[in-house]
Amino acid sequence: MIVGRGLLAEAFRARYQDDESVIILASGVSNSSETDEGEFERENELLKANLLRDHTRFVYFSSCVVGFGHLPPSPYVRHKARMEALVLDRPGGFVFRLPQVVGRTSNPNTLTNYLASHIIDGLDFTIYDGAERNLVDIDDIALIVPELLADPANERRSTVIAARHPVAVTKLVSMLEELLGKRGRARIVPRREAFQVDATAAWKVADRLGLGLDAGDHYARKVLQKYYG
């Protein structure tokens, strides 16, 4: 069963839409800059209502930023942490923490859509020199999650899915500029934001499936080429 209509929901629809034993909650707050308590409460109520449904496995998508102790917790991060706790408190609850997911979506709040639109439209934007972000193709996530759910040896109900190596934001902008054939009007501000996560369980699956999550900038470039080239 799929709850939602966005990028994540559509990625899993074919596989789980008619499977009543699995609930994929792919709806709610996805904008990491969100501060509206009303939006947080709507997701809270949606999650609680669906947790009451009969299910063997319940899947919730969170953010890799949850658990980053060196970052001050934003309203979004605190909200996601509360939602994770509700899911993991129930038998069969699984949380998948995701980085920047890349796919075909009209959502302007995704990092790559934001950067691409600003480059195309010639709008000013700010990036941080020293900042890193982790990109993963939505199609790869759709392949990794079922493998982790089906593996009886996987006892981790909270799992990070991410590429093995992050990409510098300045390099990300350069890649998009090259693909789009246009220079962006980026203002570069010095600020280091390292992005290192442990996604060992997902990396093992990705290696077995030959997804290339260990290919560094080459993987990021391949993903950007797929959706913006």
Protein backbone atom coordinates (compact mmCIF):
# COMPACT_ATOMS: atom_id res chain seq x y z
CA MET A 1 0.00 0.00 0.00
CA ILE A 2 1.32 3.41 -0.97
CA VAL A 3 0.43 6.59 0.90
CA GLY A 4 1.39 9.63 -1.15
CA ARG A 5 1.71 10.85 -4.74
CA GLY A 6 5.17 12.38 -4.95
CA LEU A 7 8.54 11.21 -6.20
CA LEU A 8 9.05 8.51 -3.56
CA ALA A 9 5.46 7.27 -3.76
CA GLU A 10 5.60 6.79 -7.53
CA ALA A 11 8.96 5.02 -7.31
CA PHE A 12 7.44 2.29 -5.13
CA ARG A 13 3.90 2.19 -6.50
CA ALA A 14 4.32 -0.63 -9.01
CA ARG A 15 5.88 -2.92 -6.42
CA TYR A 16 3.80 -2.20 -3.32
CA GLN A 17 0.49 -0.59 -4.35
CA ASP A 18 -1.42 -3.88 -4.06
CA ASP A 19 0.60 -5.35 -1.18
CA GLU A 20 -1.54 -4.83 1.90
CA SER A 21 1.15 -6.25 4.20
CA VAL A 22 3.49 -3.33 3.51
CA ILE A 23 2.63 0.33 4.03
CA ILE A 24 4.94 2.84 2.34
CA LEU A 25 4.35 6.26 3.86
CA ALA A 26 5.69 8.58 1.16
CA SER A 27 3.77 11.71 2.00
CA GLY A 28 4.40 14.54 4.38
CA VAL A 29 7.02 17.18 5.03
CA SER A 30 9.91 16.95 2.55
CA ASN A 31 11.21 20.52 2.59
CA SER A 32 14.12 20.67 5.04
CA SER A 33 13.57 24.44 5.42
CA GLU A 34 10.00 23.97 6.65
CA THR A 35 9.13 25.69 9.94
CA ASP A 36 5.31 25.65 9.84
CA GLU A 37 4.05 23.67 12.84
CA GLY A 38 0.80 23.09 10.97
CA GLU A 39 2.67 21.14 8.27
CA PHE A 40 4.44 19.08 10.92
CA GLU A 41 1.16 18.31 12.67
CA ARG A 42 -0.46 17.20 9.41
CA GLU A 43 2.29 14.65 8.85
CA ASN A 44 2.07 13.58 12.49
CA GLU A 45 -1.65 12.85 12.16
CA LEU A 46 -1.17 11.09 8.81
CA LEU A 47 1.54 8.87 10.24
CA LYS A 48 -0.42 7.96 13.36
CA ALA A 49 -3.55 7.13 11.35
CA ASN A 50 -1.63 4.79 9.03
CA LEU A 51 0.25 3.12 11.89
CA LEU A 52 -3.16 1.89 13.08
CA ARG A 53 -3.69 -0.05 9.84
CA ASP A 54 -2.90 -3.75 9.72
CA HIS A 55 0.58 -4.28 8.33
CA THR A 56 3.64 -6.52 8.53
CA ARG A 57 6.07 -3.76 7.61
CA PHE A 58 5.67 0.01 7.80
CA VAL A 59 8.15 2.17 5.91
CA TYR A 60 8.86 5.81 6.76
CA PHE A 61 11.34 8.03 4.93
CA SER A 62 13.37 10.43 7.02
CA SER A 63 16.50 12.52 6.49
CA CYS A 64 20.21 11.76 6.81
CA VAL A 65 20.50 15.01 8.76
CA VAL A 66 18.66 13.42 11.70
CA GLY A 67 21.34 12.27 14.10
CA PHE A 68 24.00 14.73 12.92
CA GLY A 69 25.10 15.77 16.39
CA HIS A 70 27.40 18.54 15.12
CA LEU A 71 24.52 20.40 13.46
CA PRO A 72 22.00 22.49 15.44
CA PRO A 73 18.62 20.74 15.22
CA SER A 74 16.21 22.68 13.01
CA PRO A 75 12.42 22.44 13.44
CA TYR A 76 12.40 20.03 10.50
CA VAL A 77 15.04 17.76 12.05
CA ARG A 78 13.31 17.73 15.43
CA HIS A 79 10.04 16.84 13.71
CA LYS A 80 11.59 14.01 11.70
CA ALA A 81 13.22 12.59 14.83
CA ARG A 82 9.82 12.51 16.56
CA MET A 83 8.26 10.74 13.57
CA GLU A 84 11.08 8.19 13.51
CA ALA A 85 10.51 7.39 17.18
CA LEU A 86 6.81 6.71 16.57
CA VAL A 87 7.58 4.34 13.70
CA LEU A 88 10.37 2.45 15.46
CA ASP A 89 8.20 2.04 18.54
CA ARG A 90 5.90 -0.24 16.53
CA PRO A 91 6.73 -3.81 15.46
CA GLY A 92 7.58 -3.93 11.78
CA GLY A 93 8.41 -0.24 11.58
CA PHE A 94 11.31 0.68 9.28
CA VAL A 95 12.96 4.08 8.84
CA PHE A 96 15.09 4.90 5.83
CA ARG A 97 17.13 8.07 6.16
CA LEU A 98 17.74 9.65 2.76
CA PRO A 99 20.08 12.36 1.48
CA GLN A 100 19.32 14.54 -1.58
CA VAL A 101 17.08 12.37 -3.75
CA VAL A 102 17.29 13.09 -7.48
CA GLY A 103 14.52 12.21 -9.93
CA ARG A 104 11.93 13.62 -12.29
CA THR A 105 9.79 15.87 -10.14
CA SER A 106 8.30 19.34 -10.39
CA ASN A 107 9.07 19.95 -6.71
CA PRO A 108 11.08 23.21 -6.66
CA ASN A 109 12.43 22.49 -3.18
CA THR A 110 14.80 19.67 -4.15
CA LEU A 111 18.41 20.84 -4.17
CA THR A 112 19.10 19.93 -7.78
CA ASN A 113 15.83 21.43 -9.07
CA TYR A 114 16.55 24.62 -7.13
CA LEU A 115 20.06 24.94 -8.53
CA ALA A 116 19.05 24.00 -12.08
CA SER A 117 16.15 26.45 -12.19
CA HIS A 118 18.29 29.29 -10.87
CA ILE A 119 21.00 28.56 -13.44
CA ILE A 120 18.49 28.36 -16.29
CA ASP A 121 16.63 31.51 -15.25
CA GLY A 122 19.78 33.51 -14.53
CA LEU A 123 18.82 34.10 -10.90
CA ASP A 124 21.25 34.87 -8.09
CA PHE A 125 21.85 32.11 -5.55
CA THR A 126 24.27 31.43 -2.72
CA ILE A 127 26.40 28.34 -2.22
CA TYR A 128 28.97 27.48 0.42
CA ASP A 129 32.59 26.84 -0.46
CA GLY A 130 33.48 23.70 1.49
CA ALA A 131 29.91 22.39 1.72
CA GLU A 132 29.12 18.85 0.59
CA ARG A 133 25.90 17.11 -0.35
CA ASN A 134 25.06 13.49 -1.03
CA LEU A 135 23.02 12.63 -4.14
CA VAL A 136 21.17 9.37 -4.77
CA ASP A 137 19.06 8.42 -7.77
CA ILE A 138 15.42 7.69 -6.84
CA ASP A 139 15.59 4.57 -9.04
CA ASP A 140 18.47 3.23 -6.94
CA ILE A 141 16.54 3.87 -3.73
CA ALA A 142 13.60 1.96 -5.21
CA LEU A 143 15.91 -1.03 -5.77
CA ILE A 144 17.72 -0.91 -2.42
CA VAL A 145 14.71 -0.58 -0.07
CA PRO A 146 12.95 -3.83 -1.11
CA GLU A 147 16.21 -5.74 -0.74
CA LEU A 148 16.68 -4.48 2.81
CA LEU A 149 13.05 -5.18 3.71
CA ALA A 150 13.23 -8.74 2.36
CA ASP A 151 16.56 -9.65 3.96
CA PRO A 152 15.91 -11.73 7.10
CA ALA A 153 19.47 -11.03 8.25
CA ASN A 154 18.84 -7.27 8.27
CA GLU A 155 17.96 -6.44 11.85
CA ARG A 156 18.54 -2.70 11.45
CA ARG A 157 15.17 -1.01 11.35
CA SER A 158 16.75 2.41 10.94
CA THR A 159 18.98 2.50 7.87
CA VAL A 160 20.79 5.23 5.96
CA ILE A 161 20.74 5.07 2.16
CA ALA A 162 23.37 7.31 0.59
CA ALA A 163 26.20 7.37 -1.91
CA ARG A 164 29.55 6.35 -0.46
CA HIS A 165 31.09 9.75 -1.23
CA PRO A 166 29.44 13.18 -1.09
CA VAL A 167 30.02 15.79 -3.76
CA ALA A 168 31.20 19.34 -3.14
CA VAL A 169 28.39 21.81 -3.79
CA THR A 170 30.71 23.91 -5.94
CA LYS A 171 31.42 20.81 -8.06
CA LEU A 172 27.69 20.04 -8.20
CA VAL A 173 26.99 23.52 -9.58
CA SER A 174 29.79 23.14 -12.14
CA MET A 175 28.32 19.82 -13.30
CA LEU A 176 24.88 21.35 -13.74
CA GLU A 177 26.31 24.36 -15.56
CA GLU A 178 28.07 22.02 -17.98
CA LEU A 179 24.95 19.92 -18.58
CA LEU A 180 22.67 22.95 -18.97
CA GLY A 181 25.15 24.87 -21.09
CA LYS A 182 24.85 28.00 -19.00
CA ARG A 183 26.81 29.70 -16.23
CA GLY A 184 24.99 30.29 -12.96
CA ARG A 185 25.04 33.48 -10.95
CA ALA A 186 26.36 31.86 -7.79
CA ARG A 187 27.65 33.82 -4.83
CA ILE A 188 30.19 31.69 -2.97
CA VAL A 189 30.37 32.07 0.80
CA PRO A 190 33.07 30.29 2.86
CA ARG A 191 31.48 27.74 5.17
CA ARG A 192 32.37 24.10 5.62
CA GLU A 193 29.53 21.59 5.86
CA ALA A 194 30.95 18.06 5.67
CA PHE A 195 28.52 15.28 4.83
CA GLN A 196 29.73 11.89 6.03
CA VAL A 197 27.31 9.11 6.89
CA ASP A 198 27.51 5.37 7.50
CA ALA A 199 25.30 3.59 4.98
CA THR A 200 27.06 0.21 5.16
CA ALA A 201 23.89 -1.88 4.82
CA ALA A 202 22.77 0.04 1.74
CA TRP A 203 26.26 0.00 0.23
CA LYS A 204 26.37 -3.80 0.44
CA VAL A 205 23.09 -4.04 -1.45
CA ALA A 206 24.18 -1.43 -3.98
CA ASP A 207 27.46 -3.28 -4.59
CA ARG A 208 25.60 -6.54 -5.13
CA LEU A 209 23.23 -4.86 -7.61
CA GLY A 210 26.03 -2.98 -9.36
CA LEU A 211 24.50 0.45 -8.76
CA GLY A 212 27.80 2.30 -8.48
CA LEU A 213 27.13 4.18 -5.25
CA ASP A 214 30.86 3.95 -4.56
CA ALA A 215 31.87 5.85 -7.71
CA GLY A 216 32.20 9.31 -6.15
CA ASP A 217 31.78 12.29 -8.47
CA HIS A 218 31.26 9.91 -11.40
CA TYR A 219 28.05 8.63 -9.79
CA ALA A 220 26.82 12.17 -9.10
CA ARG A 221 27.55 13.19 -12.69
CA LYS A 222 25.73 10.12 -14.04
CA VAL A 223 22.64 10.93 -11.96
CA LEU A 224 22.63 14.57 -13.05
CA GLN A 225 23.10 13.58 -16.68
CA LYS A 226 20.12 11.25 -16.42
CA TYR A 227 17.72 13.93 -15.20
CA TYR A 228 19.19 17.24 -16.40
CA GLY A 229 21.26 16.32 -19.44
